[in-house]
Amino acid sequence: MGRYVTIIRWTAEQAEELAGRARAVRELKAPKEILAAVAKMKIISTAYSPSNFFNIVIFEVDDKDFVEANLVTVYYMNTCSMETYPVLSEADTLKLGDLTQNIFPERMWNYIIWEETSQSKKISQT
């Protein structure tokens, strides 16, 4: 399963069409292929700033459903710009830090300082 962050931006001219398509998805009136693609996405979090014409969506998709889930991008294509990036969860980021510690020990000082600071805060709070 992959985790992704999508940054969505739109203009004032695109807002009405974008809202209409989003409403069609919410009301289950979008094309069935789009609804099926949306159903394959596990939305983790969203952040919405209508005054800045900006939205961020964090979601996960099974690897086998990745291509189909991209239909959502096609559906919204001419109503906004979308940038999607693969990302790691916090737990996976810590695992990656552990794995790279032996490969690049000189680069791990930030990770080690953060871990020691976090532990120090926990100790001082008790």
N, C-alpha and C. Protein backbone atom coordinates (compact mmCIF):
# COMPACT_ATOMS: atom_id res chain seq x y z
N MET A 1 0.86 -1.18 0.00
CA MET A 1 0.00 0.00 0.00
C MET A 1 0.89 1.23 0.00
N GLY A 2 0.58 2.18 -0.85
CA GLY A 2 1.34 3.41 -0.91
C GLY A 2 0.59 4.56 -0.26
N ARG A 3 1.35 5.45 0.34
CA ARG A 3 0.77 6.66 0.94
C ARG A 3 1.18 7.84 0.08
N TYR A 4 0.24 8.76 -0.14
CA TYR A 4 0.46 9.89 -1.02
C TYR A 4 -0.10 11.17 -0.43
N VAL A 5 0.52 12.27 -0.81
CA VAL A 5 0.00 13.60 -0.49
C VAL A 5 -0.30 14.27 -1.82
N THR A 6 -1.51 14.78 -1.96
CA THR A 6 -1.89 15.53 -3.15
C THR A 6 -2.15 16.97 -2.75
N ILE A 7 -1.51 17.87 -3.47
CA ILE A 7 -1.74 19.31 -3.28
C ILE A 7 -2.62 19.76 -4.44
N ILE A 8 -3.74 20.34 -4.11
CA ILE A 8 -4.71 20.78 -5.11
C ILE A 8 -4.82 22.29 -5.05
N ARG A 9 -4.68 22.93 -6.20
CA ARG A 9 -4.81 24.39 -6.29
C ARG A 9 -5.77 24.71 -7.43
N TRP A 10 -6.52 25.77 -7.27
CA TRP A 10 -7.44 26.19 -8.31
C TRP A 10 -7.55 27.70 -8.32
N THR A 11 -8.12 28.22 -9.39
CA THR A 11 -8.32 29.67 -9.53
C THR A 11 -9.79 29.98 -9.24
N ALA A 12 -10.08 31.26 -9.11
CA ALA A 12 -11.46 31.68 -8.89
C ALA A 12 -12.35 31.23 -10.05
N GLU A 13 -11.79 31.25 -11.25
CA GLU A 13 -12.55 30.85 -12.44
C GLU A 13 -12.85 29.34 -12.44
N GLN A 14 -12.01 28.56 -11.82
CA GLN A 14 -12.19 27.10 -11.79
C GLN A 14 -13.04 26.64 -10.61
N ALA A 15 -13.25 27.50 -9.63
CA ALA A 15 -13.87 27.10 -8.36
C ALA A 15 -15.26 26.48 -8.53
N GLU A 16 -16.09 27.07 -9.36
CA GLU A 16 -17.46 26.58 -9.51
C GLU A 16 -17.49 25.18 -10.12
N GLU A 17 -16.71 24.98 -11.18
CA GLU A 17 -16.65 23.66 -11.82
C GLU A 17 -16.06 22.61 -10.87
N LEU A 18 -15.01 22.98 -10.15
CA LEU A 18 -14.39 22.06 -9.19
C LEU A 18 -15.40 21.68 -8.10
N ALA A 19 -16.11 22.67 -7.58
CA ALA A 19 -17.11 22.40 -6.54
C ALA A 19 -18.21 21.49 -7.07
N GLY A 20 -18.61 21.69 -8.32
CA GLY A 20 -19.64 20.84 -8.92
C GLY A 20 -19.20 19.39 -9.04
N ARG A 21 -17.96 19.18 -9.45
CA ARG A 21 -17.47 17.81 -9.56
C ARG A 21 -17.31 17.16 -8.19
N ALA A 22 -16.82 17.94 -7.23
CA ALA A 22 -16.69 17.40 -5.86
C ALA A 22 -18.07 17.05 -5.30
N ARG A 23 -19.05 17.90 -5.56
CA ARG A 23 -20.42 17.64 -5.10
C ARG A 23 -20.96 16.37 -5.76
N ALA A 24 -20.68 16.18 -7.05
CA ALA A 24 -21.13 14.97 -7.75
C ALA A 24 -20.55 13.72 -7.11
N VAL A 25 -19.29 13.77 -6.68
CA VAL A 25 -18.68 12.63 -6.00
C VAL A 25 -19.36 12.40 -4.65
N ARG A 26 -19.52 13.48 -3.87
CA ARG A 26 -20.16 13.35 -2.54
C ARG A 26 -21.58 12.80 -2.64
N GLU A 27 -22.32 13.23 -3.66
CA GLU A 27 -23.72 12.82 -3.82
C GLU A 27 -23.84 11.54 -4.66
N LEU A 28 -22.72 10.92 -4.97
CA LEU A 28 -22.66 9.67 -5.74
C LEU A 28 -23.28 9.81 -7.13
N LYS A 29 -23.13 11.00 -7.73
CA LYS A 29 -23.66 11.25 -9.06
C LYS A 29 -22.55 11.33 -10.11
N ALA A 30 -21.32 11.16 -9.71
CA ALA A 30 -20.19 11.15 -10.64
C ALA A 30 -20.23 9.84 -11.44
N PRO A 31 -19.51 9.78 -12.57
CA PRO A 31 -19.47 8.51 -13.32
C PRO A 31 -19.05 7.35 -12.43
N LYS A 32 -19.60 6.17 -12.70
CA LYS A 32 -19.36 5.01 -11.83
C LYS A 32 -17.88 4.66 -11.73
N GLU A 33 -17.11 4.90 -12.81
CA GLU A 33 -15.68 4.61 -12.78
C GLU A 33 -14.96 5.52 -11.78
N ILE A 34 -15.40 6.76 -11.69
CA ILE A 34 -14.81 7.71 -10.74
C ILE A 34 -15.17 7.31 -9.32
N LEU A 35 -16.41 6.96 -9.10
CA LEU A 35 -16.83 6.53 -7.75
C LEU A 35 -16.08 5.28 -7.32
N ALA A 36 -15.84 4.37 -8.25
CA ALA A 36 -15.08 3.15 -7.93
C ALA A 36 -13.64 3.51 -7.59
N ALA A 37 -13.07 4.46 -8.32
CA ALA A 37 -11.69 4.89 -8.05
C ALA A 37 -11.59 5.57 -6.69
N VAL A 38 -12.53 6.43 -6.37
CA VAL A 38 -12.53 7.12 -5.07
C VAL A 38 -12.68 6.10 -3.94
N ALA A 39 -13.50 5.09 -4.16
CA ALA A 39 -13.71 4.06 -3.13
C ALA A 39 -12.43 3.29 -2.81
N LYS A 40 -11.50 3.25 -3.73
CA LYS A 40 -10.24 2.53 -3.51
C LYS A 40 -9.22 3.37 -2.76
N MET A 41 -9.53 4.64 -2.55
CA MET A 41 -8.62 5.54 -1.83
C MET A 41 -9.02 5.60 -0.36
N LYS A 42 -8.06 5.39 0.52
CA LYS A 42 -8.31 5.53 1.96
C LYS A 42 -7.81 6.92 2.35
N ILE A 43 -8.76 7.85 2.54
CA ILE A 43 -8.40 9.22 2.90
C ILE A 43 -7.98 9.24 4.37
N ILE A 44 -6.77 9.72 4.63
CA ILE A 44 -6.25 9.80 5.99
C ILE A 44 -6.54 11.16 6.60
N SER A 45 -6.32 12.21 5.81
CA SER A 45 -6.52 13.56 6.32
C SER A 45 -6.67 14.53 5.15
N THR A 46 -7.35 15.64 5.41
CA THR A 46 -7.43 16.72 4.43
C THR A 46 -7.26 18.05 5.16
N ALA A 47 -6.78 19.02 4.45
CA ALA A 47 -6.70 20.39 4.96
C ALA A 47 -7.18 21.29 3.82
N TYR A 48 -8.09 22.19 4.12
CA TYR A 48 -8.78 22.96 3.09
C TYR A 48 -8.69 24.45 3.42
N SER A 49 -8.26 25.23 2.45
CA SER A 49 -8.18 26.69 2.61
C SER A 49 -8.88 27.35 1.43
N PRO A 50 -10.20 27.53 1.52
CA PRO A 50 -10.94 28.07 0.38
C PRO A 50 -10.52 29.49 0.00
N SER A 51 -10.12 30.30 0.96
CA SER A 51 -9.71 31.67 0.64
C SER A 51 -8.38 31.72 -0.11
N ASN A 52 -7.59 30.66 0.02
CA ASN A 52 -6.31 30.58 -0.70
C ASN A 52 -6.38 29.63 -1.90
N PHE A 53 -7.58 29.11 -2.19
CA PHE A 53 -7.78 28.19 -3.31
C PHE A 53 -6.79 27.02 -3.23
N PHE A 54 -6.83 26.31 -2.11
CA PHE A 54 -5.79 25.34 -1.79
C PHE A 54 -6.38 24.20 -0.96
N ASN A 55 -5.97 22.98 -1.26
CA ASN A 55 -6.41 21.82 -0.51
C ASN A 55 -5.27 20.79 -0.50
N ILE A 56 -5.12 20.09 0.62
CA ILE A 56 -4.14 19.02 0.73
C ILE A 56 -4.89 17.76 1.15
N VAL A 57 -4.61 16.65 0.49
CA VAL A 57 -5.23 15.38 0.82
C VAL A 57 -4.13 14.35 1.04
N ILE A 58 -4.20 13.65 2.15
CA ILE A 58 -3.27 12.55 2.43
C ILE A 58 -4.10 11.27 2.33
N PHE A 59 -3.65 10.34 1.51
CA PHE A 59 -4.42 9.12 1.30
C PHE A 59 -3.50 7.94 1.04
N GLU A 60 -4.09 6.75 1.15
CA GLU A 60 -3.38 5.52 0.82
C GLU A 60 -4.16 4.77 -0.25
N VAL A 61 -3.42 4.07 -1.08
CA VAL A 61 -4.01 3.24 -2.14
C VAL A 61 -3.21 1.94 -2.21
N ASP A 62 -3.93 0.82 -2.32
CA ASP A 62 -3.24 -0.45 -2.54
C ASP A 62 -2.51 -0.38 -3.87
N ASP A 63 -1.35 -1.01 -3.92
CA ASP A 63 -0.56 -1.00 -5.15
C ASP A 63 -1.35 -1.51 -6.35
N LYS A 64 -2.17 -2.52 -6.14
CA LYS A 64 -2.94 -3.10 -7.25
C LYS A 64 -4.01 -2.14 -7.77
N ASP A 65 -4.38 -1.14 -6.98
CA ASP A 65 -5.43 -0.18 -7.36
C ASP A 65 -4.87 1.17 -7.79
N PHE A 66 -3.56 1.29 -7.85
CA PHE A 66 -2.94 2.59 -8.12
C PHE A 66 -3.37 3.19 -9.45
N VAL A 67 -3.34 2.42 -10.51
CA VAL A 67 -3.70 2.94 -11.84
C VAL A 67 -5.15 3.37 -11.86
N GLU A 68 -6.04 2.55 -11.34
CA GLU A 68 -7.46 2.89 -11.33
C GLU A 68 -7.73 4.15 -10.49
N ALA A 69 -7.04 4.28 -9.37
CA ALA A 69 -7.24 5.45 -8.51
C ALA A 69 -6.84 6.74 -9.21
N ASN A 70 -5.96 6.64 -10.19
CA ASN A 70 -5.55 7.83 -10.94
C ASN A 70 -6.65 8.40 -11.82
N LEU A 71 -7.75 7.68 -11.99
CA LEU A 71 -8.90 8.24 -12.71
C LEU A 71 -9.43 9.49 -12.03
N VAL A 72 -9.25 9.57 -10.72
CA VAL A 72 -9.69 10.76 -9.99
C VAL A 72 -8.97 12.00 -10.52
N THR A 73 -7.69 11.87 -10.79
CA THR A 73 -6.92 12.98 -11.35
C THR A 73 -7.48 13.40 -12.71
N VAL A 74 -7.81 12.43 -13.52
CA VAL A 74 -8.36 12.73 -14.85
C VAL A 74 -9.70 13.45 -14.71
N TYR A 75 -10.52 13.03 -13.75
CA TYR A 75 -11.84 13.62 -13.53
C TYR A 75 -11.74 15.11 -13.18
N TYR A 76 -10.76 15.45 -12.35
CA TYR A 76 -10.60 16.85 -11.92
C TYR A 76 -9.61 17.64 -12.78
N MET A 77 -9.05 17.02 -13.80
CA MET A 77 -7.92 17.57 -14.55
C MET A 77 -8.10 19.02 -15.00
N ASN A 78 -9.21 19.38 -15.60
CA ASN A 78 -9.35 20.74 -16.11
C ASN A 78 -10.01 21.70 -15.13
N THR A 79 -10.17 21.27 -13.87
CA THR A 79 -10.78 22.16 -12.87
C THR A 79 -9.78 22.62 -11.81
N CYS A 80 -8.56 22.08 -11.84
CA CYS A 80 -7.57 22.43 -10.83
C CYS A 80 -6.22 21.87 -11.25
N SER A 81 -5.18 22.23 -10.53
CA SER A 81 -3.90 21.57 -10.71
C SER A 81 -3.69 20.65 -9.51
N MET A 82 -3.14 19.48 -9.79
CA MET A 82 -2.92 18.50 -8.73
C MET A 82 -1.48 18.02 -8.80
N GLU A 83 -0.81 18.06 -7.66
CA GLU A 83 0.54 17.51 -7.53
C GLU A 83 0.46 16.39 -6.51
N THR A 84 0.87 15.20 -6.88
CA THR A 84 0.80 14.06 -5.97
C THR A 84 2.21 13.52 -5.74
N TYR A 85 2.52 13.31 -4.47
CA TYR A 85 3.85 12.85 -4.08
C TYR A 85 3.73 11.61 -3.19
N PRO A 86 4.56 10.59 -3.43
CA PRO A 86 4.60 9.47 -2.49
C PRO A 86 5.31 9.92 -1.22
N VAL A 87 4.80 9.49 -0.08
CA VAL A 87 5.38 9.89 1.21
C VAL A 87 5.45 8.69 2.14
N LEU A 88 6.18 8.84 3.22
CA LEU A 88 6.29 7.81 4.25
C LEU A 88 5.50 8.24 5.48
N SER A 89 4.95 7.26 6.19
CA SER A 89 4.32 7.55 7.48
C SER A 89 5.43 7.86 8.49
N GLU A 90 5.06 8.36 9.65
CA GLU A 90 6.06 8.65 10.68
C GLU A 90 6.78 7.37 11.10
N ALA A 91 6.03 6.29 11.26
CA ALA A 91 6.65 5.03 11.66
C ALA A 91 7.63 4.54 10.60
N ASP A 92 7.24 4.66 9.33
CA ASP A 92 8.14 4.24 8.26
C ASP A 92 9.37 5.15 8.16
N THR A 93 9.19 6.43 8.46
CA THR A 93 10.32 7.36 8.45
C THR A 93 11.34 6.95 9.51
N LEU A 94 10.86 6.57 10.69
CA LEU A 94 11.77 6.13 11.75
C LEU A 94 12.48 4.82 11.36
N LYS A 95 11.74 3.92 10.70
CA LYS A 95 12.37 2.68 10.22
C LYS A 95 13.46 3.01 9.21
N LEU A 96 13.18 3.94 8.32
CA LEU A 96 14.17 4.33 7.32
C LEU A 96 15.41 4.92 8.00
N GLY A 97 15.18 5.72 9.04
CA GLY A 97 16.30 6.27 9.79
C GLY A 97 17.16 5.18 10.40
N ASP A 98 16.52 4.15 10.93
CA ASP A 98 17.26 3.02 11.50
C ASP A 98 18.06 2.29 10.42
N LEU A 99 17.44 2.11 9.25
CA LEU A 99 18.12 1.40 8.16
C LEU A 99 19.30 2.17 7.60
N THR A 100 19.17 3.48 7.53
CA THR A 100 20.25 4.29 6.93
C THR A 100 21.32 4.67 7.93
N GLN A 101 21.11 4.41 9.19
CA GLN A 101 22.08 4.79 10.22
C GLN A 101 23.45 4.16 9.95
N ASN A 102 23.47 2.91 9.53
CA ASN A 102 24.74 2.24 9.26
C ASN A 102 25.35 2.67 7.94
N ILE A 103 24.52 3.10 7.01
CA ILE A 103 25.01 3.50 5.69
C ILE A 103 25.61 4.91 5.74
N PHE A 104 24.89 5.82 6.40
CA PHE A 104 25.31 7.23 6.46
C PHE A 104 25.33 7.71 7.92
N PRO A 105 26.19 7.17 8.77
CA PRO A 105 26.17 7.57 10.18
C PRO A 105 26.41 9.06 10.38
N GLU A 106 27.18 9.70 9.51
CA GLU A 106 27.47 11.13 9.67
C GLU A 106 26.24 12.00 9.39
N ARG A 107 25.27 11.46 8.69
CA ARG A 107 24.06 12.23 8.37
C ARG A 107 22.95 12.03 9.39
N MET A 108 23.13 11.18 10.35
CA MET A 108 22.07 10.83 11.27
C MET A 108 22.04 11.71 12.52
N TRP A 109 22.90 12.71 12.61
CA TRP A 109 22.96 13.50 13.84
C TRP A 109 21.64 14.23 14.10
N ASN A 110 20.93 14.71 13.08
CA ASN A 110 19.64 15.37 13.31
C ASN A 110 18.64 14.40 13.91
N TYR A 111 18.59 13.19 13.37
CA TYR A 111 17.68 12.17 13.86
C TYR A 111 18.00 11.83 15.31
N ILE A 112 19.28 11.68 15.63
CA ILE A 112 19.70 11.33 16.99
C ILE A 112 19.38 12.46 17.96
N ILE A 113 19.67 13.71 17.57
CA ILE A 113 19.37 14.85 18.44
C ILE A 113 17.88 14.94 18.69
N TRP A 114 17.06 14.76 17.63
CA TRP A 114 15.61 14.82 17.79
C TRP A 114 15.14 13.73 18.76
N GLU A 115 15.68 12.52 18.61
CA GLU A 115 15.29 11.41 19.46
C GLU A 115 15.69 11.69 20.91
N GLU A 116 16.90 12.20 21.14
CA GLU A 116 17.37 12.50 22.49
C GLU A 116 16.54 13.63 23.09
N THR A 117 16.22 14.66 22.29
CA THR A 117 15.41 15.78 22.78
C THR A 117 14.02 15.30 23.16
N SER A 118 13.43 14.44 22.33
CA SER A 118 12.10 13.91 22.62
C SER A 118 12.11 13.11 23.90
N GLN A 119 13.14 12.29 24.09
CA GLN A 119 13.26 11.49 25.31
C GLN A 119 13.46 12.40 26.52
N SER A 120 14.29 13.46 26.36
CA SER A 120 14.54 14.38 27.46
C SER A 120 13.26 15.08 27.88
N LYS A 121 12.45 15.49 26.91
CA LYS A 121 11.17 16.15 27.23
C LYS A 121 10.26 15.22 27.98
N LYS A 122 10.22 13.93 27.55
CA LYS A 122 9.37 12.96 28.24
C LYS A 122 9.83 12.77 29.68
N ILE A 123 11.14 12.72 29.89
CA ILE A 123 11.67 12.52 31.24
C ILE A 123 11.38 13.74 32.11
N SER A 124 11.56 14.95 31.57
CA SER A 124 11.36 16.15 32.36
C SER A 124 9.87 16.41 32.65
N GLN A 125 8.97 15.84 31.84
CA GLN A 125 7.55 16.04 32.06
C GLN A 125 7.00 15.10 33.11
N THR A 126 7.73 14.04 33.45
CA THR A 126 7.22 13.08 34.42
C THR A 126 7.56 13.47 35.82
